[in-house]
Amino acid sequence: AAAAPGVFKATNFGSFVRQLNLYGFHKTPALAGAGAATLPGSAGPLLHFCSPYFRRDRPELLVHLKRMTRANKERLAAGLEVRSRRPSRFQ
């Protein structure tokens, strides 16, 4: 099943994965014994990504998702807080 057109800004899968990584998502290893699962008609194996701040039924954690820019990395290294805007629907 393909995503609805216009849902994601990235049209290249590699660019999409890079954006996930910039927001702190990491690819999870394949489940033991599951093998390389694929969707019918898909071009490749299913990949799973996770983040401790992206949890079902826990929208309050989303404020901790921050894009890792050079400035944000420098702030973290200096021991400063990196803030993100809170989504308007959770204010």
PDB file of N, CA and C in Angstrom:
ATOM      1  N   ALA A   1       0.847  -1.184   0.000  1.00  0.00           N
ATOM      2  CA  ALA A   1       0.000   0.000   0.000  1.00  0.00           C
ATOM      3  C   ALA A   1       0.880   1.231   0.000  1.00  0.00           C
ATOM      4  N   ALA A   2       0.731   2.069  -0.990  1.00  0.00           N
ATOM      5  CA  ALA A   2       1.536   3.278  -1.112  1.00  0.00           C
ATOM      6  C   ALA A   2       0.934   4.390  -0.269  1.00  0.00           C
ATOM      7  N   ALA A   3       1.799   5.292   0.177  1.00  0.00           N
ATOM      8  CA  ALA A   3       1.329   6.451   0.941  1.00  0.00           C
ATOM      9  C   ALA A   3       0.584   7.393   0.012  1.00  0.00           C
ATOM     10  N   ALA A   4      -0.351   8.121   0.565  1.00  0.00           N
ATOM     11  CA  ALA A   4      -1.114   9.084  -0.232  1.00  0.00           C
ATOM     12  C   ALA A   4      -0.170  10.141  -0.796  1.00  0.00           C
ATOM     13  N   PRO A   5      -0.371  10.543  -2.049  1.00  0.00           N
ATOM     14  CA  PRO A   5       0.498  11.564  -2.644  1.00  0.00           C
ATOM     15  C   PRO A   5       0.471  12.856  -1.831  1.00  0.00           C
ATOM     16  N   GLY A   6       1.626  13.470  -1.667  1.00  0.00           N
ATOM     17  CA  GLY A   6       1.706  14.733  -0.947  1.00  0.00           C
ATOM     18  C   GLY A   6       1.828  14.607   0.560  1.00  0.00           C
ATOM     19  N   VAL A   7       1.830  13.383   1.105  1.00  0.00           N
ATOM     20  CA  VAL A   7       1.934  13.206   2.548  1.00  0.00           C
ATOM     21  C   VAL A   7       3.354  13.514   3.014  1.00  0.00           C
ATOM     22  N   PHE A   8       4.348  13.050   2.267  1.00  0.00           N
ATOM     23  CA  PHE A   8       5.744  13.269   2.621  1.00  0.00           C
ATOM     24  C   PHE A   8       6.373  14.234   1.632  1.00  0.00           C
ATOM     25  N   LYS A   9       7.255  15.123   2.124  1.00  0.00           N
ATOM     26  CA  LYS A   9       7.935  16.061   1.242  1.00  0.00           C
ATOM     27  C   LYS A   9       9.013  15.365   0.422  1.00  0.00           C
ATOM     28  N   ALA A  10       9.659  14.369   0.973  1.00  0.00           N
ATOM     29  CA  ALA A  10      10.752  13.689   0.286  1.00  0.00           C
ATOM     30  C   ALA A  10      10.204  12.747  -0.779  1.00  0.00           C
ATOM     31  N   THR A  11      10.774  12.813  -1.967  1.00  0.00           N
ATOM     32  CA  THR A  11      10.370  11.896  -3.030  1.00  0.00           C
ATOM     33  C   THR A  11      11.402  10.796  -3.201  1.00  0.00           C
ATOM     34  N   ASN A  12      12.558  10.938  -2.597  1.00  0.00           N
ATOM     35  CA  ASN A  12      13.613   9.946  -2.666  1.00  0.00           C
ATOM     36  C   ASN A  12      13.659   9.233  -1.315  1.00  0.00           C
ATOM     37  N   PHE A  13      13.639   7.907  -1.326  1.00  0.00           N
ATOM     38  CA  PHE A  13      13.591   7.164  -0.071  1.00  0.00           C
ATOM     39  C   PHE A  13      14.815   7.444   0.793  1.00  0.00           C
ATOM     40  N   GLY A  14      15.983   7.567   0.174  1.00  0.00           N
ATOM     41  CA  GLY A  14      17.193   7.871   0.936  1.00  0.00           C
ATOM     42  C   GLY A  14      17.086   9.195   1.673  1.00  0.00           C
ATOM     43  N   SER A  15      16.473  10.191   1.033  1.00  0.00           N
ATOM     44  CA  SER A  15      16.268  11.492   1.679  1.00  0.00           C
ATOM     45  C   SER A  15      15.308  11.366   2.857  1.00  0.00           C
ATOM     46  N   PHE A  16      14.283  10.543   2.693  1.00  0.00           N
ATOM     47  CA  PHE A  16      13.316  10.324   3.769  1.00  0.00           C
ATOM     48  C   PHE A  16      13.996   9.675   4.978  1.00  0.00           C
ATOM     49  N   VAL A  17      14.837   8.668   4.726  1.00  0.00           N
ATOM     50  CA  VAL A  17      15.552   7.992   5.811  1.00  0.00           C
ATOM     51  C   VAL A  17      16.496   8.975   6.504  1.00  0.00           C
ATOM     52  N   ARG A  18      17.149   9.828   5.736  1.00  0.00           N
ATOM     53  CA  ARG A  18      18.051  10.828   6.320  1.00  0.00           C
ATOM     54  C   ARG A  18      17.276  11.755   7.248  1.00  0.00           C
ATOM     55  N   GLN A  19      16.086  12.176   6.845  1.00  0.00           N
ATOM     56  CA  GLN A  19      15.263  13.028   7.704  1.00  0.00           C
ATOM     57  C   GLN A  19      14.872  12.297   8.992  1.00  0.00           C
ATOM     58  N   LEU A  20      14.526  11.020   8.879  1.00  0.00           N
ATOM     59  CA  LEU A  20      14.218  10.242  10.082  1.00  0.00           C
ATOM     60  C   LEU A  20      15.413  10.243  11.028  1.00  0.00           C
ATOM     61  N   ASN A  21      16.615  10.019  10.481  1.00  0.00           N
ATOM     62  CA  ASN A  21      17.821   9.997  11.304  1.00  0.00           C
ATOM     63  C   ASN A  21      18.088  11.355  11.951  1.00  0.00           C
ATOM     64  N   LEU A  22      17.837  12.440  11.225  1.00  0.00           N
ATOM     65  CA  LEU A  22      18.052  13.779  11.781  1.00  0.00           C
ATOM     66  C   LEU A  22      17.123  14.063  12.962  1.00  0.00           C
ATOM     67  N   TYR A  23      15.972  13.413  13.002  1.00  0.00           N
ATOM     68  CA  TYR A  23      15.032  13.581  14.105  1.00  0.00           C
ATOM     69  C   TYR A  23      15.219  12.525  15.197  1.00  0.00           C
ATOM     70  N   GLY A  24      16.294  11.744  15.109  1.00  0.00           N
ATOM     71  CA  GLY A  24      16.607  10.791  16.166  1.00  0.00           C
ATOM     72  C   GLY A  24      16.031   9.406  15.993  1.00  0.00           C
ATOM     73  N   PHE A  25      15.432   9.106  14.848  1.00  0.00           N
ATOM     74  CA  PHE A  25      14.925   7.760  14.598  1.00  0.00           C
ATOM     75  C   PHE A  25      16.084   6.872  14.153  1.00  0.00           C
ATOM     76  N   HIS A  26      16.044   5.616  14.554  1.00  0.00           N
ATOM     77  CA  HIS A  26      17.068   4.654  14.167  1.00  0.00           C
ATOM     78  C   HIS A  26      16.403   3.410  13.614  1.00  0.00           C
ATOM     79  N   LYS A  27      17.055   2.810  12.634  1.00  0.00           N
ATOM     80  CA  LYS A  27      16.532   1.580  12.047  1.00  0.00           C
ATOM     81  C   LYS A  27      16.681   0.472  13.076  1.00  0.00           C
ATOM     82  N   THR A  28      15.618  -0.296  13.271  1.00  0.00           N
ATOM     83  CA  THR A  28      15.661  -1.403  14.219  1.00  0.00           C
ATOM     84  C   THR A  28      16.054  -2.670  13.480  1.00  0.00           C
ATOM     85  N   PRO A  29      16.776  -3.559  14.149  1.00  0.00           N
ATOM     86  CA  PRO A  29      17.148  -4.814  13.489  1.00  0.00           C
ATOM     87  C   PRO A  29      15.911  -5.662  13.209  1.00  0.00           C
ATOM     88  N   ALA A  30      16.023  -6.534  12.218  1.00  0.00           N
ATOM     89  CA  ALA A  30      14.910  -7.433  11.881  1.00  0.00           C
ATOM     90  C   ALA A  30      14.588  -8.297  13.092  1.00  0.00           C
ATOM     91  N   LEU A  31      13.316  -8.582  13.272  1.00  0.00           N
ATOM     92  CA  LEU A  31      12.901  -9.437  14.381  1.00  0.00           C
ATOM     93  C   LEU A  31      13.467 -10.835  14.193  1.00  0.00           C
ATOM     94  N   ALA A  32      13.856 -11.461  15.275  1.00  0.00           N
ATOM     95  CA  ALA A  32      14.436 -12.797  15.208  1.00  0.00           C
ATOM     96  C   ALA A  32      13.451 -13.765  14.567  1.00  0.00           C
ATOM     97  N   GLY A  33      13.900 -14.463  13.554  1.00  0.00           N
ATOM     98  CA  GLY A  33      13.072 -15.454  12.882  1.00  0.00           C
ATOM     99  C   GLY A  33      12.089 -14.877  11.893  1.00  0.00           C
ATOM    100  N   ALA A  34      12.021 -13.561  11.775  1.00  0.00           N
ATOM    101  CA  ALA A  34      11.041 -12.953  10.880  1.00  0.00           C
ATOM    102  C   ALA A  34      11.531 -12.916   9.440  1.00  0.00           C
ATOM    103  N   GLY A  35      12.846 -12.904   9.242  1.00  0.00           N
ATOM    104  CA  GLY A  35      13.365 -12.808   7.884  1.00  0.00           C
ATOM    105  C   GLY A  35      13.113 -11.427   7.313  1.00  0.00           C
ATOM    106  N   ALA A  36      13.313 -11.275   6.036  1.00  0.00           N
ATOM    107  CA  ALA A  36      13.112  -9.986   5.373  1.00  0.00           C
ATOM    108  C   ALA A  36      11.689  -9.925   4.839  1.00  0.00           C
ATOM    109  N   ALA A  37      10.799  -9.323   5.589  1.00  0.00           N
ATOM    110  CA  ALA A  37       9.403  -9.210   5.169  1.00  0.00           C
ATOM    111  C   ALA A  37       9.269  -8.150   4.086  1.00  0.00           C
ATOM    112  N   THR A  38       8.375  -8.397   3.144  1.00  0.00           N
ATOM    113  CA  THR A  38       8.097  -7.416   2.092  1.00  0.00           C
ATOM    114  C   THR A  38       6.594  -7.315   1.900  1.00  0.00           C
ATOM    115  N   LEU A  39       6.163  -6.169   1.424  1.00  0.00           N
ATOM    116  CA  LEU A  39       4.761  -5.995   1.068  1.00  0.00           C
ATOM    117  C   LEU A  39       4.556  -6.516  -0.340  1.00  0.00           C
ATOM    118  N   PRO A  40       3.402  -7.076  -0.643  1.00  0.00           N
ATOM    119  CA  PRO A  40       3.148  -7.513  -2.017  1.00  0.00           C
ATOM    120  C   PRO A  40       3.285  -6.336  -2.984  1.00  0.00           C
ATOM    121  N   GLY A  41       4.062  -6.529  -4.036  1.00  0.00           N
ATOM    122  CA  GLY A  41       4.250  -5.489  -5.037  1.00  0.00           C
ATOM    123  C   GLY A  41       5.237  -4.411  -4.641  1.00  0.00           C
ATOM    124  N   SER A  42       5.936  -4.583  -3.516  1.00  0.00           N
ATOM    125  CA  SER A  42       6.885  -3.552  -3.087  1.00  0.00           C
ATOM    126  C   SER A  42       8.239  -3.773  -3.743  1.00  0.00           C
ATOM    127  N   ALA A  43       9.064  -2.744  -3.718  1.00  0.00           N
ATOM    128  CA  ALA A  43      10.371  -2.799  -4.361  1.00  0.00           C
ATOM    129  C   ALA A  43      11.454  -3.347  -3.446  1.00  0.00           C
ATOM    130  N   GLY A  44      11.180  -3.536  -2.183  1.00  0.00           N
ATOM    131  CA  GLY A  44      12.223  -4.005  -1.281  1.00  0.00           C
ATOM    132  C   GLY A  44      11.665  -4.431   0.057  1.00  0.00           C
ATOM    133  N   PRO A  45      12.573  -4.771   0.980  1.00  0.00           N
ATOM    134  CA  PRO A  45      12.141  -5.238   2.304  1.00  0.00           C
ATOM    135  C   PRO A  45      11.558  -4.100   3.136  1.00  0.00           C
ATOM    136  N   LEU A  46      10.724  -4.472   4.088  1.00  0.00           N
ATOM    137  CA  LEU A  46      10.173  -3.492   5.027  1.00  0.00           C
ATOM    138  C   LEU A  46      11.269  -3.071   5.996  1.00  0.00           C
ATOM    139  N   LEU A  47      11.348  -1.800   6.276  1.00  0.00           N
ATOM    140  CA  LEU A  47      12.294  -1.286   7.252  1.00  0.00           C
ATOM    141  C   LEU A  47      11.502  -0.695   8.405  1.00  0.00           C
ATOM    142  N   HIS A  48      11.992  -0.895   9.605  1.00  0.00           N
ATOM    143  CA  HIS A  48      11.325  -0.386  10.799  1.00  0.00           C
ATOM    144  C   HIS A  48      12.249   0.607  11.485  1.00  0.00           C
ATOM    145  N   PHE A  49      11.686   1.754  11.869  1.00  0.00           N
ATOM    146  CA  PHE A  49      12.435   2.788  12.559  1.00  0.00           C
ATOM    147  C   PHE A  49      11.754   3.070  13.885  1.00  0.00           C
ATOM    148  N   CYS A  50      12.539   3.451  14.886  1.00  0.00           N
ATOM    149  CA  CYS A  50      11.944   3.758  16.184  1.00  0.00           C
ATOM    150  C   CYS A  50      12.614   4.980  16.797  1.00  0.00           C
ATOM    151  N   SER A  51      11.902   5.589  17.722  1.00  0.00           N
ATOM    152  CA  SER A  51      12.390   6.704  18.518  1.00  0.00           C
ATOM    153  C   SER A  51      11.711   6.595  19.877  1.00  0.00           C
ATOM    154  N   PRO A  52      12.448   6.877  20.948  1.00  0.00           N
ATOM    155  CA  PRO A  52      11.806   6.807  22.268  1.00  0.00           C
ATOM    156  C   PRO A  52      10.718   7.861  22.453  1.00  0.00           C
ATOM    157  N   TYR A  53      10.695   8.875  21.587  1.00  0.00           N
ATOM    158  CA  TYR A  53       9.720   9.951  21.720  1.00  0.00           C
ATOM    159  C   TYR A  53       8.559   9.829  20.747  1.00  0.00           C
ATOM    160  N   PHE A  54       8.471   8.722  20.046  1.00  0.00           N
ATOM    161  CA  PHE A  54       7.380   8.504  19.097  1.00  0.00           C
ATOM    162  C   PHE A  54       6.663   7.231  19.523  1.00  0.00           C
ATOM    163  N   ARG A  55       5.648   7.399  20.365  1.00  0.00           N
ATOM    164  CA  ARG A  55       4.922   6.267  20.935  1.00  0.00           C
ATOM    165  C   ARG A  55       3.424   6.448  20.746  1.00  0.00           C
ATOM    166  N   ARG A  56       2.781   5.360  20.423  1.00  0.00           N
ATOM    167  CA  ARG A  56       1.325   5.370  20.293  1.00  0.00           C
ATOM    168  C   ARG A  56       0.700   5.776  21.631  1.00  0.00           C
ATOM    169  N   ASP A  57      -0.319   6.592  21.578  1.00  0.00           N
ATOM    170  CA  ASP A  57      -1.047   7.055  22.761  1.00  0.00           C
ATOM    171  C   ASP A  57      -0.198   7.903  23.714  1.00  0.00           C
ATOM    172  N   ARG A  58       0.928   8.451  23.238  1.00  0.00           N
ATOM    173  CA  ARG A  58       1.766   9.330  24.070  1.00  0.00           C
ATOM    174  C   ARG A  58       2.149  10.589  23.290  1.00  0.00           C
ATOM    175  N   PRO A  59       1.169  11.368  22.811  1.00  0.00           N
ATOM    176  CA  PRO A  59       1.484  12.554  21.995  1.00  0.00           C
ATOM    177  C   PRO A  59       2.298  13.603  22.746  1.00  0.00           C
ATOM    178  N   GLU A  60       2.263  13.577  24.075  1.00  0.00           N
ATOM    179  CA  GLU A  60       3.028  14.569  24.832  1.00  0.00           C
ATOM    180  C   GLU A  60       4.537  14.389  24.661  1.00  0.00           C
ATOM    181  N   LEU A  61       4.974  13.215  24.232  1.00  0.00           N
ATOM    182  CA  LEU A  61       6.403  12.974  24.015  1.00  0.00           C
ATOM    183  C   LEU A  61       6.922  13.629  22.740  1.00  0.00           C
ATOM    184  N   LEU A  62       6.028  13.971  21.825  1.00  0.00           N
ATOM    185  CA  LEU A  62       6.451  14.531  20.538  1.00  0.00           C
ATOM    186  C   LEU A  62       7.226  15.833  20.678  1.00  0.00           C
ATOM    187  N   VAL A  63       7.030  16.570  21.760  1.00  0.00           N
ATOM    188  CA  VAL A  63       7.764  17.829  21.932  1.00  0.00           C
ATOM    189  C   VAL A  63       9.263  17.583  22.094  1.00  0.00           C
ATOM    190  N   HIS A  64       9.650  16.350  22.384  1.00  0.00           N
ATOM    191  CA  HIS A  64      11.069  16.022  22.544  1.00  0.00           C
ATOM    192  C   HIS A  64      11.750  15.676  21.222  1.00  0.00           C
ATOM    193  N   LEU A  65      10.976  15.525  20.154  1.00  0.00           N
ATOM    194  CA  LEU A  65      11.575  15.267  18.841  1.00  0.00           C
ATOM    195  C   LEU A  65      12.167  16.570  18.326  1.00  0.00           C
ATOM    196  N   LYS A  66      13.471  16.559  18.084  1.00  0.00           N
ATOM    197  CA  LYS A  66      14.156  17.756  17.618  1.00  0.00           C
ATOM    198  C   LYS A  66      15.053  17.386  16.457  1.00  0.00           C
ATOM    199  N   ARG A  67      15.081  18.231  15.458  1.00  0.00           N
ATOM    200  CA  ARG A  67      15.953  18.002  14.305  1.00  0.00           C
ATOM    201  C   ARG A  67      17.383  18.318  14.724  1.00  0.00           C
ATOM    202  N   MET A  68      18.284  17.380  14.491  1.00  0.00           N
ATOM    203  CA  MET A  68      19.670  17.568  14.873  1.00  0.00           C
ATOM    204  C   MET A  68      20.413  18.387  13.826  1.00  0.00           C
ATOM    205  N   THR A  69      20.428  19.676  14.024  1.00  0.00           N
ATOM    206  CA  THR A  69      21.187  20.581  13.174  1.00  0.00           C
ATOM    207  C   THR A  69      22.547  20.808  13.828  1.00  0.00           C
ATOM    208  N   ARG A  70      23.432  21.461  13.118  1.00  0.00           N
ATOM    209  CA  ARG A  70      24.748  21.764  13.689  1.00  0.00           C
ATOM    210  C   ARG A  70      24.588  22.595  14.961  1.00  0.00           C
ATOM    211  N   ALA A  71      23.701  23.583  14.915  1.00  0.00           N
ATOM    212  CA  ALA A  71      23.482  24.443  16.084  1.00  0.00           C
ATOM    213  C   ALA A  71      22.947  23.636  17.264  1.00  0.00           C
ATOM    214  N   ASN A  72      22.019  22.716  17.012  1.00  0.00           N
ATOM    215  CA  ASN A  72      21.473  21.893  18.094  1.00  0.00           C
ATOM    216  C   ASN A  72      22.535  20.966  18.672  1.00  0.00           C
ATOM    217  N   LYS A  73      23.393  20.402  17.824  1.00  0.00           N
ATOM    218  CA  LYS A  73      24.474  19.545  18.319  1.00  0.00           C
ATOM    219  C   LYS A  73      25.423  20.339  19.209  1.00  0.00           C
ATOM    220  N   GLU A  74      25.732  21.582  18.799  1.00  0.00           N
ATOM    221  CA  GLU A  74      26.612  22.432  19.601  1.00  0.00           C
ATOM    222  C   GLU A  74      25.968  22.781  20.933  1.00  0.00           C
ATOM    223  N   ARG A  75      24.661  23.037  20.927  1.00  0.00           N
ATOM    224  CA  ARG A  75      23.963  23.340  22.179  1.00  0.00           C
ATOM    225  C   ARG A  75      24.006  22.137  23.127  1.00  0.00           C
ATOM    226  N   LEU A  76      23.751  20.940  22.600  1.00  0.00           N
ATOM    227  CA  LEU A  76      23.796  19.742  23.436  1.00  0.00           C
ATOM    228  C   LEU A  76      25.193  19.519  24.000  1.00  0.00           C
ATOM    229  N   ALA A  77      26.227  19.708  23.161  1.00  0.00           N
ATOM    230  CA  ALA A  77      27.608  19.522  23.603  1.00  0.00           C
ATOM    231  C   ALA A  77      27.976  20.516  24.707  1.00  0.00           C
ATOM    232  N   ALA A  78      27.384  21.717  24.670  1.00  0.00           N
ATOM    233  CA  ALA A  78      27.651  22.741  25.679  1.00  0.00           C
ATOM    234  C   ALA A  78      26.787  22.553  26.927  1.00  0.00           C
ATOM    235  N   GLY A  79      25.942  21.527  26.924  1.00  0.00           N
ATOM    236  CA  GLY A  79      25.083  21.267  28.073  1.00  0.00           C
ATOM    237  C   GLY A  79      23.838  22.130  28.120  1.00  0.00           C
ATOM    238  N   LEU A  80      23.520  22.783  26.997  1.00  0.00           N
ATOM    239  CA  LEU A  80      22.330  23.626  26.937  1.00  0.00           C
ATOM    240  C   LEU A  80      21.126  22.826  26.460  1.00  0.00           C
ATOM    241  N   GLU A  81      19.952  23.327  26.773  1.00  0.00           N
ATOM    242  CA  GLU A  81      18.717  22.663  26.357  1.00  0.00           C
ATOM    243  C   GLU A  81      18.408  22.990  24.899  1.00  0.00           C
ATOM    244  N   VAL A  82      17.947  21.993  24.184  1.00  0.00           N
ATOM    245  CA  VAL A  82      17.488  22.190  22.809  1.00  0.00           C
ATOM    246  C   VAL A  82      15.976  22.131  22.856  1.00  0.00           C
ATOM    247  N   ARG A  83      15.338  23.219  22.452  1.00  0.00           N
ATOM    248  CA  ARG A  83      13.880  23.294  22.520  1.00  0.00           C
ATOM    249  C   ARG A  83      13.264  23.125  21.147  1.00  0.00           C
ATOM    250  N   SER A  84      12.044  22.672  21.136  1.00  0.00           N
ATOM    251  CA  SER A  84      11.269  22.611  19.897  1.00  0.00           C
ATOM    252  C   SER A  84       9.916  23.245  20.185  1.00  0.00           C
ATOM    253  N   ARG A  85       9.286  23.733  19.137  1.00  0.00           N
ATOM    254  CA  ARG A  85       7.953  24.309  19.304  1.00  0.00           C
ATOM    255  C   ARG A  85       6.969  23.192  19.589  1.00  0.00           C
ATOM    256  N   ARG A  86       6.062  23.470  20.466  1.00  0.00           N
ATOM    257  CA  ARG A  86       5.024  22.497  20.787  1.00  0.00           C
ATOM    258  C   ARG A  86       3.951  22.555  19.708  1.00  0.00           C
ATOM    259  N   PRO A  87       3.508  21.396  19.172  1.00  0.00           N
ATOM    260  CA  PRO A  87       2.434  21.411  18.180  1.00  0.00           C
ATOM    261  C   PRO A  87       1.196  22.085  18.759  1.00  0.00           C
ATOM    262  N   SER A  88       0.540  22.915  17.970  1.00  0.00           N
ATOM    263  CA  SER A  88      -0.572  23.721  18.470  1.00  0.00           C
ATOM    264  C   SER A  88      -1.713  22.879  19.030  1.00  0.00           C
ATOM    265  N   ARG A  89      -1.928  21.698  18.495  1.00  0.00           N
ATOM    266  CA  ARG A  89      -3.066  20.914  18.989  1.00  0.00           C
ATOM    267  C   ARG A  89      -2.818  20.324  20.368  1.00  0.00           C
ATOM    268  N   PHE A  90      -1.570  20.377  20.878  1.00  0.00           N
ATOM    269  CA  PHE A  90      -1.257  19.835  22.202  1.00  0.00           C
ATOM    270  C   PHE A  90      -0.996  20.931  23.229  1.00  0.00           C
ATOM    271  N   GLN A  91      -1.253  22.185  22.901  1.00  0.00           N
ATOM    272  CA  GLN A  91      -1.002  23.279  23.846  1.00  0.00           C
ATOM    273  C   GLN A  91      -2.165  23.459  24.774  1.00  0.00           C
TER     274      GLN A  91
END
